[in-house]
Amino acid sequence: MPEGSVPLFSIGAVARMLDLAAATIRTWETRYGDVVPQRSEGGQRLYSRDQVEQLRFVKDQVAGGRRPGEAHRLLAERVARGESFGDATVRVLLAESRLGAAAALRELVGGDTFEVLLADDAGQAERTLAECSPAVVLIDDGDLEFRRLSERSRAAGVKVLPLDLLQRPLGLLEGFRLALP
């Protein structure tokens, strides 16, 4: 299964990423049937990166003045032509001073889907946050300066996860599902 088609994101995460109501996403699914997520064993909708980008395309078309039906027709045409819907790479800032965490993160999440940005001190992490706007920040909260950065980042609305998630691979992936904007 290509990485972009792996079902990863709950409807709540997609709603936050796209700043759309979950009800709108469900309505589009029912009414137009272009973006139909897979379901977990418990029946929860799970969307792939490709599907998130397709929904982003529809949202942008509607924001540009098109009616939802027209936006979905354009989506269907693009899908039929095999066109892509944007960069599906998610930036992850890894702020830590211990060796080896970056390699572990790349091993866990893969290099094509996630772009891992490194910062080995709080100042560099803060500059990277400002310049690159990563979707998720993993911070070593064992370091005082990183803890302070974590608090400031959360207060600013940045999705921050503790670095110890690297010790729990399933927790890391679930954290990404819940933490992406």
C-alpha atoms as a PDB file:
ATOM      1  CA  MET A   1       0.000   0.000   0.000  1.00  0.00           C
ATOM      2  CA  PRO A   2       1.535   3.381  -0.971  1.00  0.00           C
ATOM      3  CA  GLU A   3       2.356   5.562   2.045  1.00  0.00           C
ATOM      4  CA  GLY A   4      -0.101   8.289   1.034  1.00  0.00           C
ATOM      5  CA  SER A   5      -2.984   5.834   1.077  1.00  0.00           C
ATOM      6  CA  VAL A   6      -2.402   4.390   4.561  1.00  0.00           C
ATOM      7  CA  PRO A   7      -5.373   5.267   6.807  1.00  0.00           C
ATOM      8  CA  LEU A   8      -3.929   7.267   9.713  1.00  0.00           C
ATOM      9  CA  PHE A   9      -6.120  10.180  10.745  1.00  0.00           C
ATOM     10  CA  SER A  10      -9.389  10.243  12.657  1.00  0.00           C
ATOM     11  CA  ILE A  11     -12.126  12.583  11.499  1.00  0.00           C
ATOM     12  CA  GLY A  12     -11.405  14.821  14.491  1.00  0.00           C
ATOM     13  CA  ALA A  13      -7.744  15.151  13.499  1.00  0.00           C
ATOM     14  CA  VAL A  14      -8.709  15.890   9.892  1.00  0.00           C
ATOM     15  CA  ALA A  15     -11.235  18.487  11.049  1.00  0.00           C
ATOM     16  CA  ARG A  16      -8.505  20.228  13.086  1.00  0.00           C
ATOM     17  CA  MET A  17      -5.955  20.001  10.258  1.00  0.00           C
ATOM     18  CA  LEU A  18      -8.328  21.579   7.752  1.00  0.00           C
ATOM     19  CA  ASP A  19     -10.258  23.843  10.122  1.00  0.00           C
ATOM     20  CA  LEU A  20     -13.517  22.230   8.995  1.00  0.00           C
ATOM     21  CA  ALA A  21     -16.386  20.889  11.059  1.00  0.00           C
ATOM     22  CA  ALA A  22     -16.430  17.098  11.285  1.00  0.00           C
ATOM     23  CA  ALA A  23     -20.111  17.289  10.324  1.00  0.00           C
ATOM     24  CA  THR A  24     -19.148  19.000   7.052  1.00  0.00           C
ATOM     25  CA  ILE A  25     -16.676  16.215   6.244  1.00  0.00           C
ATOM     26  CA  ARG A  26     -19.310  13.563   7.000  1.00  0.00           C
ATOM     27  CA  THR A  27     -21.886  15.418   4.880  1.00  0.00           C
ATOM     28  CA  TRP A  28     -19.488  15.620   1.930  1.00  0.00           C
ATOM     29  CA  GLU A  29     -18.780  11.889   2.277  1.00  0.00           C
ATOM     30  CA  THR A  30     -22.497  11.032   2.278  1.00  0.00           C
ATOM     31  CA  ARG A  31     -23.575  13.506  -0.392  1.00  0.00           C
ATOM     32  CA  TYR A  32     -20.729  13.262  -2.911  1.00  0.00           C
ATOM     33  CA  GLY A  33     -18.918   9.990  -2.122  1.00  0.00           C
ATOM     34  CA  ASP A  34     -15.556  11.178  -3.475  1.00  0.00           C
ATOM     35  CA  VAL A  35     -13.579  10.890  -0.234  1.00  0.00           C
ATOM     36  CA  VAL A  36     -14.670   7.779   1.634  1.00  0.00           C
ATOM     37  CA  PRO A  37     -12.416   6.829   4.553  1.00  0.00           C
ATOM     38  CA  GLN A  38     -11.633   3.339   5.692  1.00  0.00           C
ATOM     39  CA  ARG A  39     -13.071   2.249   9.022  1.00  0.00           C
ATOM     40  CA  SER A  40     -11.275   0.911  12.055  1.00  0.00           C
ATOM     41  CA  GLU A  41     -12.514  -2.277  13.711  1.00  0.00           C
ATOM     42  CA  GLY A  42     -14.514  -0.030  16.034  1.00  0.00           C
ATOM     43  CA  GLY A  43     -16.104   1.800  13.093  1.00  0.00           C
ATOM     44  CA  GLN A  44     -14.067   5.013  13.388  1.00  0.00           C
ATOM     45  CA  ARG A  45     -13.342   6.839  10.129  1.00  0.00           C
ATOM     46  CA  LEU A  46      -9.631   6.792   9.245  1.00  0.00           C
ATOM     47  CA  TYR A  47      -8.343   9.055   6.472  1.00  0.00           C
ATOM     48  CA  SER A  48      -5.125   8.734   4.501  1.00  0.00           C
ATOM     49  CA  ARG A  49      -2.806  11.643   3.675  1.00  0.00           C
ATOM     50  CA  ASP A  50      -4.077  11.585   0.098  1.00  0.00           C
ATOM     51  CA  GLN A  51      -7.651  11.884   1.327  1.00  0.00           C
ATOM     52  CA  VAL A  52      -6.727  14.771   3.627  1.00  0.00           C
ATOM     53  CA  GLU A  53      -5.181  16.574   0.646  1.00  0.00           C
ATOM     54  CA  GLN A  54      -8.300  15.878  -1.436  1.00  0.00           C
ATOM     55  CA  LEU A  55     -10.480  17.369   1.305  1.00  0.00           C
ATOM     56  CA  ARG A  56      -8.106  20.346   1.491  1.00  0.00           C
ATOM     57  CA  PHE A  57      -8.577  20.813  -2.274  1.00  0.00           C
ATOM     58  CA  VAL A  58     -12.373  20.827  -1.864  1.00  0.00           C
ATOM     59  CA  LYS A  59     -12.170  23.228   1.082  1.00  0.00           C
ATOM     60  CA  ASP A  60      -9.946  25.602  -0.913  1.00  0.00           C
ATOM     61  CA  GLN A  61     -12.306  25.473  -3.894  1.00  0.00           C
ATOM     62  CA  VAL A  62     -15.302  26.283  -1.681  1.00  0.00           C
ATOM     63  CA  ALA A  63     -13.359  29.089   0.021  1.00  0.00           C
ATOM     64  CA  GLY A  64     -12.614  30.435  -3.462  1.00  0.00           C
ATOM     65  CA  GLY A  65     -16.340  30.735  -4.228  1.00  0.00           C
ATOM     66  CA  ARG A  66     -17.298  27.398  -5.775  1.00  0.00           C
ATOM     67  CA  ARG A  67     -20.300  25.449  -4.556  1.00  0.00           C
ATOM     68  CA  PRO A  68     -19.439  22.170  -2.783  1.00  0.00           C
ATOM     69  CA  GLY A  69     -20.960  20.089  -5.597  1.00  0.00           C
ATOM     70  CA  GLU A  70     -18.825  21.883  -8.164  1.00  0.00           C
ATOM     71  CA  ALA A  71     -15.706  21.480  -5.998  1.00  0.00           C
ATOM     72  CA  HIS A  72     -16.356  17.739  -5.695  1.00  0.00           C
ATOM     73  CA  ARG A  73     -16.877  17.442  -9.457  1.00  0.00           C
ATOM     74  CA  LEU A  74     -13.468  19.086  -9.973  1.00  0.00           C
ATOM     75  CA  LEU A  75     -11.986  16.721  -7.402  1.00  0.00           C
ATOM     76  CA  ALA A  76     -13.403  13.694  -9.221  1.00  0.00           C
ATOM     77  CA  GLU A  77     -11.963  14.964 -12.519  1.00  0.00           C
ATOM     78  CA  ARG A  78      -8.515  15.427 -10.966  1.00  0.00           C
ATOM     79  CA  VAL A  79      -8.607  11.977  -9.365  1.00  0.00           C
ATOM     80  CA  ALA A  80      -9.625  10.437 -12.707  1.00  0.00           C
ATOM     81  CA  ARG A  81      -6.618  12.115 -14.366  1.00  0.00           C
ATOM     82  CA  GLY A  82      -4.313  10.845 -11.605  1.00  0.00           C
ATOM     83  CA  GLU A  83      -3.307  14.335 -10.462  1.00  0.00           C
ATOM     84  CA  SER A  84      -1.746  14.860  -7.045  1.00  0.00           C
ATOM     85  CA  PHE A  85      -3.124  17.167  -4.391  1.00  0.00           C
ATOM     86  CA  GLY A  86      -0.090  18.780  -2.865  1.00  0.00           C
ATOM     87  CA  ASP A  87       2.816  17.948  -0.647  1.00  0.00           C
ATOM     88  CA  ALA A  88       1.842  15.225   1.802  1.00  0.00           C
ATOM     89  CA  THR A  89       5.085  15.512   3.769  1.00  0.00           C
ATOM     90  CA  VAL A  90       4.572  16.478   7.398  1.00  0.00           C
ATOM     91  CA  ARG A  91       7.362  18.388   9.132  1.00  0.00           C
ATOM     92  CA  VAL A  92       8.339  17.124  12.566  1.00  0.00           C
ATOM     93  CA  LEU A  93      10.744  19.134  14.719  1.00  0.00           C
ATOM     94  CA  LEU A  94      12.836  16.956  16.999  1.00  0.00           C
ATOM     95  CA  ALA A  95      14.241  19.137  19.784  1.00  0.00           C
ATOM     96  CA  GLU A  96      16.675  17.071  21.823  1.00  0.00           C
ATOM     97  CA  SER A  97      20.265  16.949  22.912  1.00  0.00           C
ATOM     98  CA  ARG A  98      20.706  13.154  23.098  1.00  0.00           C
ATOM     99  CA  LEU A  99      22.285  11.257  20.221  1.00  0.00           C
ATOM    100  CA  GLY A 100      20.283   8.709  18.284  1.00  0.00           C
ATOM    101  CA  ALA A 101      16.749  10.039  18.721  1.00  0.00           C
ATOM    102  CA  ALA A 102      16.592  11.362  15.157  1.00  0.00           C
ATOM    103  CA  ALA A 103      17.546   8.004  13.689  1.00  0.00           C
ATOM    104  CA  ALA A 104      14.948   6.287  15.872  1.00  0.00           C
ATOM    105  CA  LEU A 105      12.281   8.764  14.768  1.00  0.00           C
ATOM    106  CA  ARG A 106      13.120   8.330  11.089  1.00  0.00           C
ATOM    107  CA  GLU A 107      12.990   4.555  11.546  1.00  0.00           C
ATOM    108  CA  LEU A 108       9.573   4.739  13.203  1.00  0.00           C
ATOM    109  CA  VAL A 109       7.792   7.136  10.880  1.00  0.00           C
ATOM    110  CA  GLY A 110       9.619   6.803   7.567  1.00  0.00           C
ATOM    111  CA  GLY A 111      11.482   9.330   5.485  1.00  0.00           C
ATOM    112  CA  ASP A 112       8.996   9.941   2.657  1.00  0.00           C
ATOM    113  CA  THR A 113       6.019  10.886   4.759  1.00  0.00           C
ATOM    114  CA  PHE A 114       7.708  12.860   7.526  1.00  0.00           C
ATOM    115  CA  GLU A 115      10.442  15.453   7.169  1.00  0.00           C
ATOM    116  CA  VAL A 116      12.440  15.375  10.402  1.00  0.00           C
ATOM    117  CA  LEU A 117      13.992  18.711  11.413  1.00  0.00           C
ATOM    118  CA  LEU A 118      16.641  18.585  14.137  1.00  0.00           C
ATOM    119  CA  ALA A 119      17.472  21.074  16.877  1.00  0.00           C
ATOM    120  CA  ASP A 120      19.965  20.245  19.608  1.00  0.00           C
ATOM    121  CA  ASP A 121      19.294  23.314  21.755  1.00  0.00           C
ATOM    122  CA  ALA A 122      16.249  25.405  22.647  1.00  0.00           C
ATOM    123  CA  GLY A 123      17.411  28.455  20.675  1.00  0.00           C
ATOM    124  CA  GLN A 124      17.835  26.486  17.476  1.00  0.00           C
ATOM    125  CA  ALA A 125      14.468  24.783  18.079  1.00  0.00           C
ATOM    126  CA  GLU A 126      12.756  28.152  18.499  1.00  0.00           C
ATOM    127  CA  ARG A 127      14.298  29.471  15.254  1.00  0.00           C
ATOM    128  CA  THR A 128      13.252  26.320  13.391  1.00  0.00           C
ATOM    129  CA  LEU A 129       9.716  26.655  14.745  1.00  0.00           C
ATOM    130  CA  ALA A 130       9.514  30.230  13.480  1.00  0.00           C
ATOM    131  CA  GLU A 131      11.034  29.523  10.060  1.00  0.00           C
ATOM    132  CA  CYS A 132       9.579  26.134   9.127  1.00  0.00           C
ATOM    133  CA  SER A 133       6.245  25.830  10.971  1.00  0.00           C
ATOM    134  CA  PRO A 134       6.427  22.091  11.666  1.00  0.00           C
ATOM    135  CA  ALA A 135       3.134  20.282  12.225  1.00  0.00           C
ATOM    136  CA  VAL A 136       4.422  18.440  15.287  1.00  0.00           C
ATOM    137  CA  VAL A 137       7.223  19.111  17.745  1.00  0.00           C
ATOM    138  CA  LEU A 138       8.828  16.332  19.788  1.00  0.00           C
ATOM    139  CA  ILE A 139      10.655  17.864  22.739  1.00  0.00           C
ATOM    140  CA  ASP A 140      13.055  16.347  25.255  1.00  0.00           C
ATOM    141  CA  ASP A 141      11.286  17.534  28.389  1.00  0.00           C
ATOM    142  CA  GLY A 142      14.121  16.265  30.573  1.00  0.00           C
ATOM    143  CA  ASP A 143      16.039  19.450  29.695  1.00  0.00           C
ATOM    144  CA  LEU A 144      14.930  22.666  31.475  1.00  0.00           C
ATOM    145  CA  GLU A 145      15.288  24.924  28.416  1.00  0.00           C
ATOM    146  CA  PHE A 146      13.375  22.453  26.248  1.00  0.00           C
ATOM    147  CA  ARG A 147      10.644  22.246  28.940  1.00  0.00           C
ATOM    148  CA  ARG A 148      10.286  26.031  28.833  1.00  0.00           C
ATOM    149  CA  LEU A 149      10.157  25.929  25.028  1.00  0.00           C
ATOM    150  CA  SER A 150       7.511  23.218  25.264  1.00  0.00           C
ATOM    151  CA  GLU A 151       5.344  25.381  27.551  1.00  0.00           C
ATOM    152  CA  ARG A 152       5.711  28.453  25.298  1.00  0.00           C
ATOM    153  CA  SER A 153       4.984  26.397  22.182  1.00  0.00           C
ATOM    154  CA  ARG A 154       1.849  24.829  23.650  1.00  0.00           C
ATOM    155  CA  ALA A 155       0.648  28.261  24.771  1.00  0.00           C
ATOM    156  CA  ALA A 156       1.100  29.432  21.156  1.00  0.00           C
ATOM    157  CA  GLY A 157      -1.024  26.538  19.869  1.00  0.00           C
ATOM    158  CA  VAL A 158       1.809  24.330  18.566  1.00  0.00           C
ATOM    159  CA  LYS A 159       1.267  20.561  18.818  1.00  0.00           C
ATOM    160  CA  VAL A 160       3.973  19.361  21.216  1.00  0.00           C
ATOM    161  CA  LEU A 161       4.659  15.731  22.120  1.00  0.00           C
ATOM    162  CA  PRO A 162       7.185  14.462  24.671  1.00  0.00           C
ATOM    163  CA  LEU A 163      10.285  12.806  23.294  1.00  0.00           C
ATOM    164  CA  ASP A 164       9.689   9.708  25.423  1.00  0.00           C
ATOM    165  CA  LEU A 165       7.098   8.665  22.850  1.00  0.00           C
ATOM    166  CA  LEU A 166      10.064   7.381  20.838  1.00  0.00           C
ATOM    167  CA  GLN A 167      10.350   4.624  23.414  1.00  0.00           C
ATOM    168  CA  ARG A 168       6.764   3.586  22.618  1.00  0.00           C
ATOM    169  CA  PRO A 169       6.377   3.245  18.819  1.00  0.00           C
ATOM    170  CA  LEU A 170       2.617   2.679  18.851  1.00  0.00           C
ATOM    171  CA  GLY A 171       2.160   5.644  21.163  1.00  0.00           C
ATOM    172  CA  LEU A 172       4.184   7.779  18.772  1.00  0.00           C
ATOM    173  CA  LEU A 173       2.029   6.941  15.795  1.00  0.00           C
ATOM    174  CA  GLU A 174      -1.186   7.423  17.785  1.00  0.00           C
ATOM    175  CA  GLY A 175       0.241  10.729  19.007  1.00  0.00           C
ATOM    176  CA  PHE A 176       0.720  11.872  15.423  1.00  0.00           C
ATOM    177  CA  ARG A 177      -2.871  10.955  14.616  1.00  0.00           C
ATOM    178  CA  LEU A 178      -4.130  13.042  17.502  1.00  0.00           C
ATOM    179  CA  ALA A 179      -1.651  15.879  17.392  1.00  0.00           C
ATOM    180  CA  LEU A 180      -1.533  17.016  13.795  1.00  0.00           C
ATOM    181  CA  PRO A 181      -3.261  20.334  13.117  1.00  0.00           C
END
